[in-house]
Amino acid sequence: MNGRTNVASLRGVTKRYGAQVALHGIDLELRRGELLALLGPNGAGKSTAIGLLLGLIRPDAGEVELFGRDPQQLAARRRIGVMLQSAELPATLRVGELLRLTASYYPEPLSVAESAELAGIDDLLMRPYAKLSGGQKRRVQFALALCGRPELIFLDEPTVGLDIEARTKLWAAIREHVAAGCSVVLTTHYLEEAEALADRVCMMAHGRMIHEGSVDELRARVAVKRIRCLSALPIDIVRGWSEVNEVRRDGERLHIGTAEAENVVRRLLDADHALRELEVHRAGLAEAFTELTRDVSAEETAMAEQAA
């Protein structure tokens, strides 16, 4: 638990849509002052899990709690902020009017100026929402998620459509809120975003939680390391080494994947005394994600074949 209090949870939750099982008895805990990245391929069950925590849908089995209450209770919902990818907002209202309207639902909201400054939309307050670009709309939606001083924020693909500068500013605002004790649930397809922000990562596939832990813990589960170097060694020689999983050449640079990096490095140095710019990297979160979800798909395929 890392000494942190839970602010929301799913316990043994199952959710079906007709014959399709979207969630298979999953457990999930959200902790105070922590950013949790919820990752998984399309159809993994992420949106269903978020919908249950928000009280938008009900489980078929199991328990859902938000601040120790039913998620549909107003007292619980007033403590959260939400930025959904599919947000539908009144197009004719100006941004400042949207902020004032949303803030009115909360007991102690931020001022319009405070919300605008946090999200970097000071220059948009008099603009009609319908006239904004996609990236500007995302920043406004972020301001709306923050305006009620929430203790828990749900961010669904928050940086889609943002340029690098806007994305960097939003990351800084998220970090600031987490440092102040706010909890954040982040769903994103930008794995570098999860790697940069998350205290904990939960990976989902086929309606199940398949792995949970810090970014470093998940990266450590993937044995393959990446070696890069400048070398004149013929690629066919390196490909023939038993320790090498894969190898490719990009100009003078060799790119090697291996689970036995130390042995391969020794062989490289022995075989090419002119070798230079040697780098060894652990698997990134993107590689861990690909590897772990591939393993689950392979297991499910094998089980289906056995059942047949």
C-alpha atoms as a PDB file:
ATOM      1  CA  MET A   1       0.000   0.000   0.000  1.00  0.00           C
ATOM      2  CA  ASN A   2       3.041   2.312   0.368  1.00  0.00           C
ATOM      3  CA  GLY A   3       1.331   3.831   3.406  1.00  0.00           C
ATOM      4  CA  ARG A   4      -1.243   5.529   1.194  1.00  0.00           C
ATOM      5  CA  THR A   5      -4.987   5.591   1.734  1.00  0.00           C
ATOM      6  CA  ASN A   6      -7.222   4.168  -0.967  1.00  0.00           C
ATOM      7  CA  VAL A   7      -9.538   6.714  -2.583  1.00  0.00           C
ATOM      8  CA  ALA A   8     -11.352   4.307  -4.920  1.00  0.00           C
ATOM      9  CA  SER A   9     -11.428   0.600  -5.668  1.00  0.00           C
ATOM     10  CA  LEU A  10     -12.814  -2.229  -7.752  1.00  0.00           C
ATOM     11  CA  ARG A  11     -13.059  -5.560  -5.921  1.00  0.00           C
ATOM     12  CA  GLY A  12     -13.813  -8.750  -7.820  1.00  0.00           C
ATOM     13  CA  VAL A  13     -15.686  -6.758 -10.468  1.00  0.00           C
ATOM     14  CA  THR A  14     -17.239  -8.465 -13.466  1.00  0.00           C
ATOM     15  CA  LYS A  15     -19.046  -6.604 -16.233  1.00  0.00           C
ATOM     16  CA  ARG A  16     -20.826  -8.125 -19.227  1.00  0.00           C
ATOM     17  CA  TYR A  17     -22.337  -6.631 -22.355  1.00  0.00           C
ATOM     18  CA  GLY A  18     -24.640  -9.357 -23.562  1.00  0.00           C
ATOM     19  CA  ALA A  19     -22.542 -12.455 -24.196  1.00  0.00           C
ATOM     20  CA  GLN A  20     -19.286 -10.465 -24.103  1.00  0.00           C
ATOM     21  CA  VAL A  21     -17.414 -10.298 -20.796  1.00  0.00           C
ATOM     22  CA  ALA A  22     -15.695  -6.903 -20.615  1.00  0.00           C
ATOM     23  CA  LEU A  23     -14.164  -7.408 -17.154  1.00  0.00           C
ATOM     24  CA  HIS A  24     -13.364 -10.736 -15.499  1.00  0.00           C
ATOM     25  CA  GLY A  25     -13.431 -10.281 -11.700  1.00  0.00           C
ATOM     26  CA  ILE A  26     -10.778  -7.558 -11.591  1.00  0.00           C
ATOM     27  CA  ASP A  27      -9.303  -5.799  -8.555  1.00  0.00           C
ATOM     28  CA  LEU A  28      -7.983  -2.250  -8.737  1.00  0.00           C
ATOM     29  CA  GLU A  29      -7.018   0.241  -6.026  1.00  0.00           C
ATOM     30  CA  LEU A  30      -6.460   3.975  -6.471  1.00  0.00           C
ATOM     31  CA  ARG A  31      -4.266   5.547  -3.788  1.00  0.00           C
ATOM     32  CA  ARG A  32      -4.084   9.070  -2.471  1.00  0.00           C
ATOM     33  CA  GLY A  33      -1.298  11.225  -3.914  1.00  0.00           C
ATOM     34  CA  GLU A  34      -0.440   8.753  -6.675  1.00  0.00           C
ATOM     35  CA  LEU A  35      -0.622   8.814 -10.444  1.00  0.00           C
ATOM     36  CA  LEU A  36      -1.848   5.475 -11.767  1.00  0.00           C
ATOM     37  CA  ALA A  37      -1.480   4.791 -15.492  1.00  0.00           C
ATOM     38  CA  LEU A  38      -4.085   2.320 -16.728  1.00  0.00           C
ATOM     39  CA  LEU A  39      -2.763   0.821 -19.956  1.00  0.00           C
ATOM     40  CA  GLY A  40      -3.947  -1.763 -22.429  1.00  0.00           C
ATOM     41  CA  PRO A  41      -4.802  -2.291 -26.098  1.00  0.00           C
ATOM     42  CA  ASN A  42      -8.202  -1.294 -27.473  1.00  0.00           C
ATOM     43  CA  GLY A  43     -10.869  -3.567 -26.031  1.00  0.00           C
ATOM     44  CA  ALA A  44      -8.829  -4.380 -22.920  1.00  0.00           C
ATOM     45  CA  GLY A  45     -11.541  -3.080 -20.549  1.00  0.00           C
ATOM     46  CA  LYS A  46     -10.013   0.270 -19.537  1.00  0.00           C
ATOM     47  CA  SER A  47     -13.058   2.348 -20.460  1.00  0.00           C
ATOM     48  CA  THR A  48     -15.361  -0.062 -18.653  1.00  0.00           C
ATOM     49  CA  ALA A  49     -13.226   0.133 -15.498  1.00  0.00           C
ATOM     50  CA  ILE A  50     -13.284   3.949 -15.623  1.00  0.00           C
ATOM     51  CA  GLY A  51     -17.036   3.992 -16.277  1.00  0.00           C
ATOM     52  CA  LEU A  52     -17.614   1.849 -13.181  1.00  0.00           C
ATOM     53  CA  LEU A  53     -15.473   4.117 -10.978  1.00  0.00           C
ATOM     54  CA  LEU A  54     -17.355   7.166 -12.268  1.00  0.00           C
ATOM     55  CA  GLY A  55     -20.713   5.538 -11.579  1.00  0.00           C
ATOM     56  CA  LEU A  56     -21.704   5.732 -15.248  1.00  0.00           C
ATOM     57  CA  ILE A  57     -22.330   1.971 -15.381  1.00  0.00           C
ATOM     58  CA  ARG A  58     -22.966  -0.721 -12.786  1.00  0.00           C
ATOM     59  CA  PRO A  59     -21.072  -3.995 -12.250  1.00  0.00           C
ATOM     60  CA  ASP A  60     -22.722  -7.379 -12.714  1.00  0.00           C
ATOM     61  CA  ALA A  61     -20.705  -8.710  -9.775  1.00  0.00           C
ATOM     62  CA  GLY A  62     -18.230  -7.309  -7.264  1.00  0.00           C
ATOM     63  CA  GLU A  63     -17.935  -3.995  -5.416  1.00  0.00           C
ATOM     64  CA  VAL A  64     -17.086  -0.477  -6.570  1.00  0.00           C
ATOM     65  CA  GLU A  65     -16.217   2.310  -4.134  1.00  0.00           C
ATOM     66  CA  LEU A  66     -15.362   5.970  -4.594  1.00  0.00           C
ATOM     67  CA  PHE A  67     -14.144   7.640  -1.380  1.00  0.00           C
ATOM     68  CA  GLY A  68     -15.803   4.813   0.540  1.00  0.00           C
ATOM     69  CA  ARG A  69     -19.183   5.478  -1.090  1.00  0.00           C
ATOM     70  CA  ASP A  70     -21.299   4.396  -4.025  1.00  0.00           C
ATOM     71  CA  PRO A  71     -19.811   6.217  -7.063  1.00  0.00           C
ATOM     72  CA  GLN A  72     -23.262   7.549  -7.965  1.00  0.00           C
ATOM     73  CA  GLN A  73     -23.588   9.460  -4.698  1.00  0.00           C
ATOM     74  CA  LEU A  74     -23.218  13.215  -5.139  1.00  0.00           C
ATOM     75  CA  ALA A  75     -20.936  13.499  -2.103  1.00  0.00           C
ATOM     76  CA  ALA A  76     -18.415  11.222  -3.840  1.00  0.00           C
ATOM     77  CA  ARG A  77     -18.750  12.724  -7.312  1.00  0.00           C
ATOM     78  CA  ARG A  78     -18.085  16.246  -6.036  1.00  0.00           C
ATOM     79  CA  ARG A  79     -14.587  15.130  -5.082  1.00  0.00           C
ATOM     80  CA  ILE A  80     -13.522  14.127  -8.602  1.00  0.00           C
ATOM     81  CA  GLY A  81     -12.584  15.835 -11.844  1.00  0.00           C
ATOM     82  CA  VAL A  82     -12.985  14.164 -15.230  1.00  0.00           C
ATOM     83  CA  MET A  83     -11.427  14.716 -18.639  1.00  0.00           C
ATOM     84  CA  LEU A  84     -12.897  12.182 -21.057  1.00  0.00           C
ATOM     85  CA  GLN A  85     -11.795  11.723 -24.652  1.00  0.00           C
ATOM     86  CA  SER A  86     -15.389  11.873 -25.893  1.00  0.00           C
ATOM     87  CA  ALA A  87     -16.451  15.020 -24.008  1.00  0.00           C
ATOM     88  CA  GLU A  88     -19.561  16.769 -25.372  1.00  0.00           C
ATOM     89  CA  LEU A  89     -19.791  20.394 -24.205  1.00  0.00           C
ATOM     90  CA  PRO A  90     -22.247  23.189 -25.099  1.00  0.00           C
ATOM     91  CA  ALA A  91     -20.736  24.567 -28.293  1.00  0.00           C
ATOM     92  CA  THR A  92     -22.324  28.028 -28.047  1.00  0.00           C
ATOM     93  CA  LEU A  93     -20.909  28.897 -24.608  1.00  0.00           C
ATOM     94  CA  ARG A  94     -17.706  30.842 -24.226  1.00  0.00           C
ATOM     95  CA  VAL A  95     -14.819  29.195 -22.399  1.00  0.00           C
ATOM     96  CA  GLY A  96     -15.202  31.454 -19.352  1.00  0.00           C
ATOM     97  CA  GLU A  97     -18.902  30.606 -19.173  1.00  0.00           C
ATOM     98  CA  LEU A  98     -18.132  26.879 -19.332  1.00  0.00           C
ATOM     99  CA  LEU A  99     -15.686  27.239 -16.451  1.00  0.00           C
ATOM    100  CA  ARG A 100     -18.178  29.181 -14.312  1.00  0.00           C
ATOM    101  CA  LEU A 101     -20.949  26.670 -15.060  1.00  0.00           C
ATOM    102  CA  THR A 102     -18.804  23.647 -14.200  1.00  0.00           C
ATOM    103  CA  ALA A 103     -17.384  25.299 -11.066  1.00  0.00           C
ATOM    104  CA  SER A 104     -20.934  25.931  -9.799  1.00  0.00           C
ATOM    105  CA  TYR A 105     -21.374  22.167  -9.237  1.00  0.00           C
ATOM    106  CA  TYR A 106     -18.587  22.104  -6.612  1.00  0.00           C
ATOM    107  CA  PRO A 107     -18.634  23.417  -3.022  1.00  0.00           C
ATOM    108  CA  GLU A 108     -15.237  25.201  -3.081  1.00  0.00           C
ATOM    109  CA  PRO A 109     -14.102  25.616  -6.683  1.00  0.00           C
ATOM    110  CA  LEU A 110     -11.142  27.500  -8.053  1.00  0.00           C
ATOM    111  CA  SER A 111     -11.796  30.895  -9.581  1.00  0.00           C
ATOM    112  CA  VAL A 112     -12.061  31.105 -13.358  1.00  0.00           C
ATOM    113  CA  ALA A 113      -8.705  32.889 -13.442  1.00  0.00           C
ATOM    114  CA  GLU A 114      -7.013  30.167 -11.360  1.00  0.00           C
ATOM    115  CA  SER A 115      -8.379  27.347 -13.541  1.00  0.00           C
ATOM    116  CA  ALA A 116      -7.408  29.175 -16.711  1.00  0.00           C
ATOM    117  CA  GLU A 117      -3.873  29.799 -15.501  1.00  0.00           C
ATOM    118  CA  LEU A 118      -3.348  26.152 -14.503  1.00  0.00           C
ATOM    119  CA  ALA A 119      -4.451  24.924 -17.925  1.00  0.00           C
ATOM    120  CA  GLY A 120      -2.814  27.734 -19.908  1.00  0.00           C
ATOM    121  CA  ILE A 121      -6.056  29.036 -21.439  1.00  0.00           C
ATOM    122  CA  ASP A 122      -6.068  32.652 -20.211  1.00  0.00           C
ATOM    123  CA  ASP A 123      -6.278  33.861 -23.815  1.00  0.00           C
ATOM    124  CA  LEU A 124      -9.294  31.668 -24.636  1.00  0.00           C
ATOM    125  CA  LEU A 125     -11.819  32.766 -21.994  1.00  0.00           C
ATOM    126  CA  MET A 126     -13.874  34.956 -24.359  1.00  0.00           C
ATOM    127  CA  ARG A 127     -13.781  32.476 -27.241  1.00  0.00           C
ATOM    128  CA  PRO A 128     -16.842  30.311 -28.095  1.00  0.00           C
ATOM    129  CA  TYR A 129     -16.009  26.664 -27.428  1.00  0.00           C
ATOM    130  CA  ALA A 130     -17.142  25.666 -30.943  1.00  0.00           C
ATOM    131  CA  LYS A 131     -14.525  27.969 -32.496  1.00  0.00           C
ATOM    132  CA  LEU A 132     -11.558  26.293 -30.772  1.00  0.00           C
ATOM    133  CA  SER A 133      -9.075  23.897 -32.348  1.00  0.00           C
ATOM    134  CA  GLY A 134      -8.862  20.300 -31.136  1.00  0.00           C
ATOM    135  CA  GLY A 135      -5.803  21.049 -29.006  1.00  0.00           C
ATOM    136  CA  GLN A 136      -7.430  24.155 -27.488  1.00  0.00           C
ATOM    137  CA  LYS A 137     -10.527  22.132 -26.615  1.00  0.00           C
ATOM    138  CA  ARG A 138      -8.360  19.558 -24.806  1.00  0.00           C
ATOM    139  CA  ARG A 139      -6.774  22.312 -22.696  1.00  0.00           C
ATOM    140  CA  VAL A 140     -10.223  23.695 -21.841  1.00  0.00           C
ATOM    141  CA  GLN A 141     -11.383  20.205 -20.850  1.00  0.00           C
ATOM    142  CA  PHE A 142      -8.344  19.928 -18.580  1.00  0.00           C
ATOM    143  CA  ALA A 143      -9.288  23.236 -16.926  1.00  0.00           C
ATOM    144  CA  LEU A 144     -12.826  21.930 -16.375  1.00  0.00           C
ATOM    145  CA  ALA A 145     -11.416  18.785 -14.735  1.00  0.00           C
ATOM    146  CA  LEU A 146      -9.379  20.918 -12.310  1.00  0.00           C
ATOM    147  CA  CYS A 147     -11.845  23.680 -11.492  1.00  0.00           C
ATOM    148  CA  GLY A 148     -13.577  21.911  -8.585  1.00  0.00           C
ATOM    149  CA  ARG A 149     -10.346  21.330  -6.595  1.00  0.00           C
ATOM    150  CA  PRO A 150     -10.759  17.551  -7.043  1.00  0.00           C
ATOM    151  CA  GLU A 151      -9.049  14.973  -4.860  1.00  0.00           C
ATOM    152  CA  LEU A 152      -9.113  12.466  -7.736  1.00  0.00           C
ATOM    153  CA  ILE A 153      -8.797  13.298 -11.446  1.00  0.00           C
ATOM    154  CA  PHE A 154      -9.561  10.943 -14.330  1.00  0.00           C
ATOM    155  CA  LEU A 155      -7.593  11.865 -17.461  1.00  0.00           C
ATOM    156  CA  ASP A 156      -8.507   9.917 -20.602  1.00  0.00           C
ATOM    157  CA  GLU A 157      -5.927  10.491 -23.361  1.00  0.00           C
ATOM    158  CA  PRO A 158      -5.366  14.060 -22.095  1.00  0.00           C
ATOM    159  CA  THR A 159      -2.667  15.144 -24.561  1.00  0.00           C
ATOM    160  CA  VAL A 160      -4.215  13.975 -27.839  1.00  0.00           C
ATOM    161  CA  GLY A 161      -4.033  16.888 -30.264  1.00  0.00           C
ATOM    162  CA  LEU A 162      -1.587  18.942 -28.182  1.00  0.00           C
ATOM    163  CA  ASP A 163       1.711  20.256 -29.508  1.00  0.00           C
ATOM    164  CA  ILE A 164       4.931  19.559 -27.603  1.00  0.00           C
ATOM    165  CA  GLU A 165       4.864  22.835 -25.649  1.00  0.00           C
ATOM    166  CA  ALA A 166       1.240  22.388 -24.539  1.00  0.00           C
ATOM    167  CA  ARG A 167       1.905  18.757 -23.639  1.00  0.00           C
ATOM    168  CA  THR A 168       4.903  19.725 -21.507  1.00  0.00           C
ATOM    169  CA  LYS A 169       2.858  22.362 -19.659  1.00  0.00           C
ATOM    170  CA  LEU A 170       0.040  19.901 -19.019  1.00  0.00           C
ATOM    171  CA  TRP A 171       2.523  17.330 -17.670  1.00  0.00           C
ATOM    172  CA  ALA A 172       3.880  19.982 -15.287  1.00  0.00           C
ATOM    173  CA  ALA A 173       0.360  20.808 -14.067  1.00  0.00           C
ATOM    174  CA  ILE A 174      -0.402  17.127 -13.490  1.00  0.00           C
ATOM    175  CA  ARG A 175       2.825  16.651 -11.503  1.00  0.00           C
ATOM    176  CA  GLU A 176       1.985  19.713  -9.417  1.00  0.00           C
ATOM    177  CA  HIS A 177      -1.423  18.304  -8.482  1.00  0.00           C
ATOM    178  CA  VAL A 178      -0.005  14.894  -7.574  1.00  0.00           C
ATOM    179  CA  ALA A 179       2.684  16.556  -5.415  1.00  0.00           C
ATOM    180  CA  ALA A 180      -0.098  18.412  -3.585  1.00  0.00           C
ATOM    181  CA  GLY A 181      -1.766  15.092  -2.691  1.00  0.00           C
ATOM    182  CA  CYS A 182      -4.237  14.732  -5.556  1.00  0.00           C
ATOM    183  CA  SER A 183      -4.708  11.276  -7.103  1.00  0.00           C
ATOM    184  CA  VAL A 184      -4.735  10.860 -10.882  1.00  0.00           C
ATOM    185  CA  VAL A 185      -5.877   8.014 -13.117  1.00  0.00           C
ATOM    186  CA  LEU A 186      -4.318   8.328 -16.558  1.00  0.00           C
ATOM    187  CA  THR A 187      -5.224   6.354 -19.657  1.00  0.00           C
ATOM    188  CA  THR A 188      -2.979   7.022 -22.628  1.00  0.00           C
ATOM    189  CA  HIS A 189      -1.666   5.449 -25.811  1.00  0.00           C
ATOM    190  CA  TYR A 190       1.487   7.573 -25.487  1.00  0.00           C
ATOM    191  CA  LEU A 191       3.582   5.147 -23.470  1.00  0.00           C
ATOM    192  CA  GLU A 192       6.325   7.735 -22.999  1.00  0.00           C
ATOM    193  CA  GLU A 193       3.689   9.802 -21.176  1.00  0.00           C
ATOM    194  CA  ALA A 194       2.991   6.981 -18.731  1.00  0.00           C
ATOM    195  CA  GLU A 195       6.730   6.385 -18.350  1.00  0.00           C
ATOM    196  CA  ALA A 196       7.313  10.055 -17.522  1.00  0.00           C
ATOM    197  CA  LEU A 197       4.400  10.541 -15.106  1.00  0.00           C
ATOM    198  CA  ALA A 198       3.248   7.293 -13.488  1.00  0.00           C
ATOM    199  CA  ASP A 199       4.016   6.161  -9.945  1.00  0.00           C
ATOM    200  CA  ARG A 200       2.288   2.872 -10.722  1.00  0.00           C
ATOM    201  CA  VAL A 201       1.201   1.139 -13.909  1.00  0.00           C
ATOM    202  CA  CYS A 202      -1.619  -1.369 -14.315  1.00  0.00           C
ATOM    203  CA  MET A 203      -1.727  -3.236 -17.606  1.00  0.00           C
ATOM    204  CA  MET A 204      -4.980  -4.732 -18.847  1.00  0.00           C
ATOM    205  CA  ALA A 205      -5.699  -7.222 -21.603  1.00  0.00           C
ATOM    206  CA  HIS A 206      -8.899  -9.089 -22.492  1.00  0.00           C
ATOM    207  CA  GLY A 207     -10.725  -7.716 -19.435  1.00  0.00           C
ATOM    208  CA  ARG A 208      -8.092  -8.809 -16.914  1.00  0.00           C
ATOM    209  CA  MET A 209      -5.325  -7.111 -14.961  1.00  0.00           C
ATOM    210  CA  ILE A 210      -2.180  -8.760 -16.249  1.00  0.00           C
ATOM    211  CA  HIS A 211       0.591  -6.785 -14.522  1.00  0.00           C
ATOM    212  CA  GLU A 212       0.898  -4.118 -11.860  1.00  0.00           C
ATOM    213  CA  GLY A 213       3.891  -2.246 -10.492  1.00  0.00           C
ATOM    214  CA  SER A 214       6.202   0.703 -10.976  1.00  0.00           C
ATOM    215  CA  VAL A 215       7.547   1.501 -14.435  1.00  0.00           C
ATOM    216  CA  ASP A 216      10.941   0.085 -13.418  1.00  0.00           C
ATOM    217  CA  GLU A 217       9.372  -3.133 -12.111  1.00  0.00           C
ATOM    218  CA  LEU A 218       7.490  -3.692 -15.346  1.00  0.00           C
ATOM    219  CA  ARG A 219      10.515  -2.910 -17.493  1.00  0.00           C
ATOM    220  CA  ALA A 220      12.529  -5.408 -15.434  1.00  0.00           C
ATOM    221  CA  ARG A 221      10.097  -8.182 -16.398  1.00  0.00           C
ATOM    222  CA  VAL A 222      11.306  -7.966 -19.984  1.00  0.00           C
ATOM    223  CA  ALA A 223      14.693  -9.608 -20.300  1.00  0.00           C
ATOM    224  CA  VAL A 224      15.660  -8.204 -23.701  1.00  0.00           C
ATOM    225  CA  LYS A 225      18.106  -5.303 -23.698  1.00  0.00           C
ATOM    226  CA  ARG A 226      19.055  -3.067 -26.607  1.00  0.00           C
ATOM    227  CA  ILE A 227      22.653  -2.596 -27.704  1.00  0.00           C
ATOM    228  CA  ARG A 228      23.709   0.131 -30.132  1.00  0.00           C
ATOM    229  CA  CYS A 229      27.219   0.722 -31.468  1.00  0.00           C
ATOM    230  CA  LEU A 230      29.220   1.887 -34.465  1.00  0.00           C
ATOM    231  CA  SER A 231      30.906  -1.161 -35.949  1.00  0.00           C
ATOM    232  CA  ALA A 232      32.102  -2.501 -39.288  1.00  0.00           C
ATOM    233  CA  LEU A 233      31.232  -6.091 -38.275  1.00  0.00           C
ATOM    234  CA  PRO A 234      29.196  -7.871 -40.979  1.00  0.00           C
ATOM    235  CA  ILE A 235      25.619  -8.228 -39.785  1.00  0.00           C
ATOM    236  CA  ASP A 236      25.541 -11.934 -40.714  1.00  0.00           C
ATOM    237  CA  ILE A 237      28.307 -12.664 -38.211  1.00  0.00           C
ATOM    238  CA  VAL A 238      26.421 -10.990 -35.355  1.00  0.00           C
ATOM    239  CA  ARG A 239      23.168 -12.651 -36.408  1.00  0.00           C
ATOM    240  CA  GLY A 240      24.876 -16.030 -36.042  1.00  0.00           C
ATOM    241  CA  TRP A 241      25.681 -15.537 -32.356  1.00  0.00           C
ATOM    242  CA  SER A 242      23.393 -17.685 -30.207  1.00  0.00           C
ATOM    243  CA  GLU A 243      22.836 -14.890 -27.646  1.00  0.00           C
ATOM    244  CA  VAL A 244      21.431 -12.457 -30.246  1.00  0.00           C
ATOM    245  CA  ASN A 245      17.644 -12.316 -30.644  1.00  0.00           C
ATOM    246  CA  GLU A 246      17.634  -9.765 -33.436  1.00  0.00           C
ATOM    247  CA  VAL A 247      20.014  -7.432 -35.223  1.00  0.00           C
ATOM    248  CA  ARG A 248      19.753  -4.742 -37.887  1.00  0.00           C
ATOM    249  CA  ARG A 249      22.087  -2.184 -39.387  1.00  0.00           C
ATOM    250  CA  ASP A 250      21.416   1.526 -39.881  1.00  0.00           C
ATOM    251  CA  GLY A 251      24.406   2.837 -41.813  1.00  0.00           C
ATOM    252  CA  GLU A 252      27.440   2.197 -39.615  1.00  0.00           C
ATOM    253  CA  ARG A 253      25.300   1.599 -36.534  1.00  0.00           C
ATOM    254  CA  LEU A 254      24.336  -1.866 -35.315  1.00  0.00           C
ATOM    255  CA  HIS A 255      21.121  -2.339 -33.322  1.00  0.00           C
ATOM    256  CA  ILE A 256      21.036  -5.593 -31.341  1.00  0.00           C
ATOM    257  CA  GLY A 257      18.370  -7.163 -29.128  1.00  0.00           C
ATOM    258  CA  THR A 258      19.529  -9.719 -26.579  1.00  0.00           C
ATOM    259  CA  ALA A 259      18.729 -11.197 -23.181  1.00  0.00           C
ATOM    260  CA  GLU A 260      22.465 -11.691 -22.546  1.00  0.00           C
ATOM    261  CA  ALA A 261      23.814  -8.190 -23.024  1.00  0.00           C
ATOM    262  CA  GLU A 262      27.098  -8.696 -21.109  1.00  0.00           C
ATOM    263  CA  ASN A 263      28.108 -11.685 -23.226  1.00  0.00           C
ATOM    264  CA  VAL A 264      27.230  -9.921 -26.468  1.00  0.00           C
ATOM    265  CA  VAL A 265      29.172  -6.807 -25.476  1.00  0.00           C
ATOM    266  CA  ARG A 266      32.257  -8.942 -24.780  1.00  0.00           C
ATOM    267  CA  ARG A 267      31.933 -10.631 -28.169  1.00  0.00           C
ATOM    268  CA  LEU A 268      31.541  -7.285 -29.925  1.00  0.00           C
ATOM    269  CA  LEU A 269      34.661  -5.864 -28.267  1.00  0.00           C
ATOM    270  CA  ASP A 270      36.664  -9.004 -29.058  1.00  0.00           C
ATOM    271  CA  ALA A 271      35.531  -9.069 -32.683  1.00  0.00           C
ATOM    272  CA  ASP A 272      35.923  -5.363 -33.462  1.00  0.00           C
ATOM    273  CA  HIS A 273      38.691  -3.416 -31.713  1.00  0.00           C
ATOM    274  CA  ALA A 274      37.605  -0.274 -33.588  1.00  0.00           C
ATOM    275  CA  LEU A 275      34.065  -0.460 -32.164  1.00  0.00           C
ATOM    276  CA  ARG A 276      32.848   2.835 -30.688  1.00  0.00           C
ATOM    277  CA  GLU A 277      29.806   4.650 -29.255  1.00  0.00           C
ATOM    278  CA  LEU A 278      28.632   1.537 -27.419  1.00  0.00           C
ATOM    279  CA  GLU A 279      25.281   1.911 -25.617  1.00  0.00           C
ATOM    280  CA  VAL A 280      23.216  -0.620 -23.652  1.00  0.00           C
ATOM    281  CA  HIS A 281      19.600   0.115 -22.714  1.00  0.00           C
ATOM    282  CA  ARG A 282      16.959  -1.734 -20.721  1.00  0.00           C
ATOM    283  CA  ALA A 283      13.587  -2.306 -22.317  1.00  0.00           C
ATOM    284  CA  GLY A 284      11.368   0.749 -22.306  1.00  0.00           C
ATOM    285  CA  LEU A 285       7.760   0.699 -21.158  1.00  0.00           C
ATOM    286  CA  ALA A 286       6.637   0.411 -24.779  1.00  0.00           C
ATOM    287  CA  GLU A 287       8.645  -2.790 -25.221  1.00  0.00           C
ATOM    288  CA  ALA A 288       7.416  -4.148 -21.890  1.00  0.00           C
ATOM    289  CA  PHE A 289       3.834  -3.385 -22.904  1.00  0.00           C
ATOM    290  CA  THR A 290       4.249  -5.136 -26.264  1.00  0.00           C
ATOM    291  CA  GLU A 291       5.953  -8.169 -24.751  1.00  0.00           C
ATOM    292  CA  LEU A 292       3.544  -8.658 -21.841  1.00  0.00           C
ATOM    293  CA  THR A 293       0.369  -8.252 -23.895  1.00  0.00           C
ATOM    294  CA  ARG A 294       1.796 -10.600 -26.544  1.00  0.00           C
ATOM    295  CA  ASP A 295       2.379 -13.230 -23.830  1.00  0.00           C
ATOM    296  CA  VAL A 296      -1.242 -12.969 -22.661  1.00  0.00           C
ATOM    297  CA  SER A 297      -2.576 -13.275 -26.223  1.00  0.00           C
ATOM    298  CA  ALA A 298      -0.423 -16.369 -26.795  1.00  0.00           C
ATOM    299  CA  GLU A 299      -1.685 -17.963 -23.556  1.00  0.00           C
ATOM    300  CA  GLU A 300      -5.332 -17.295 -24.443  1.00  0.00           C
ATOM    301  CA  THR A 301      -4.858 -18.712 -27.958  1.00  0.00           C
ATOM    302  CA  ALA A 302      -3.280 -21.875 -26.507  1.00  0.00           C
ATOM    303  CA  MET A 303      -6.152 -22.278 -24.017  1.00  0.00           C
ATOM    304  CA  ALA A 304      -8.742 -21.832 -26.758  1.00  0.00           C
ATOM    305  CA  GLU A 305      -7.035 -24.475 -28.892  1.00  0.00           C
ATOM    306  CA  GLN A 306      -6.945 -26.909 -25.958  1.00  0.00           C
ATOM    307  CA  ALA A 307     -10.632 -26.309 -25.245  1.00  0.00           C
ATOM    308  CA  ALA A 308     -11.466 -27.011 -28.896  1.00  0.00           C
END
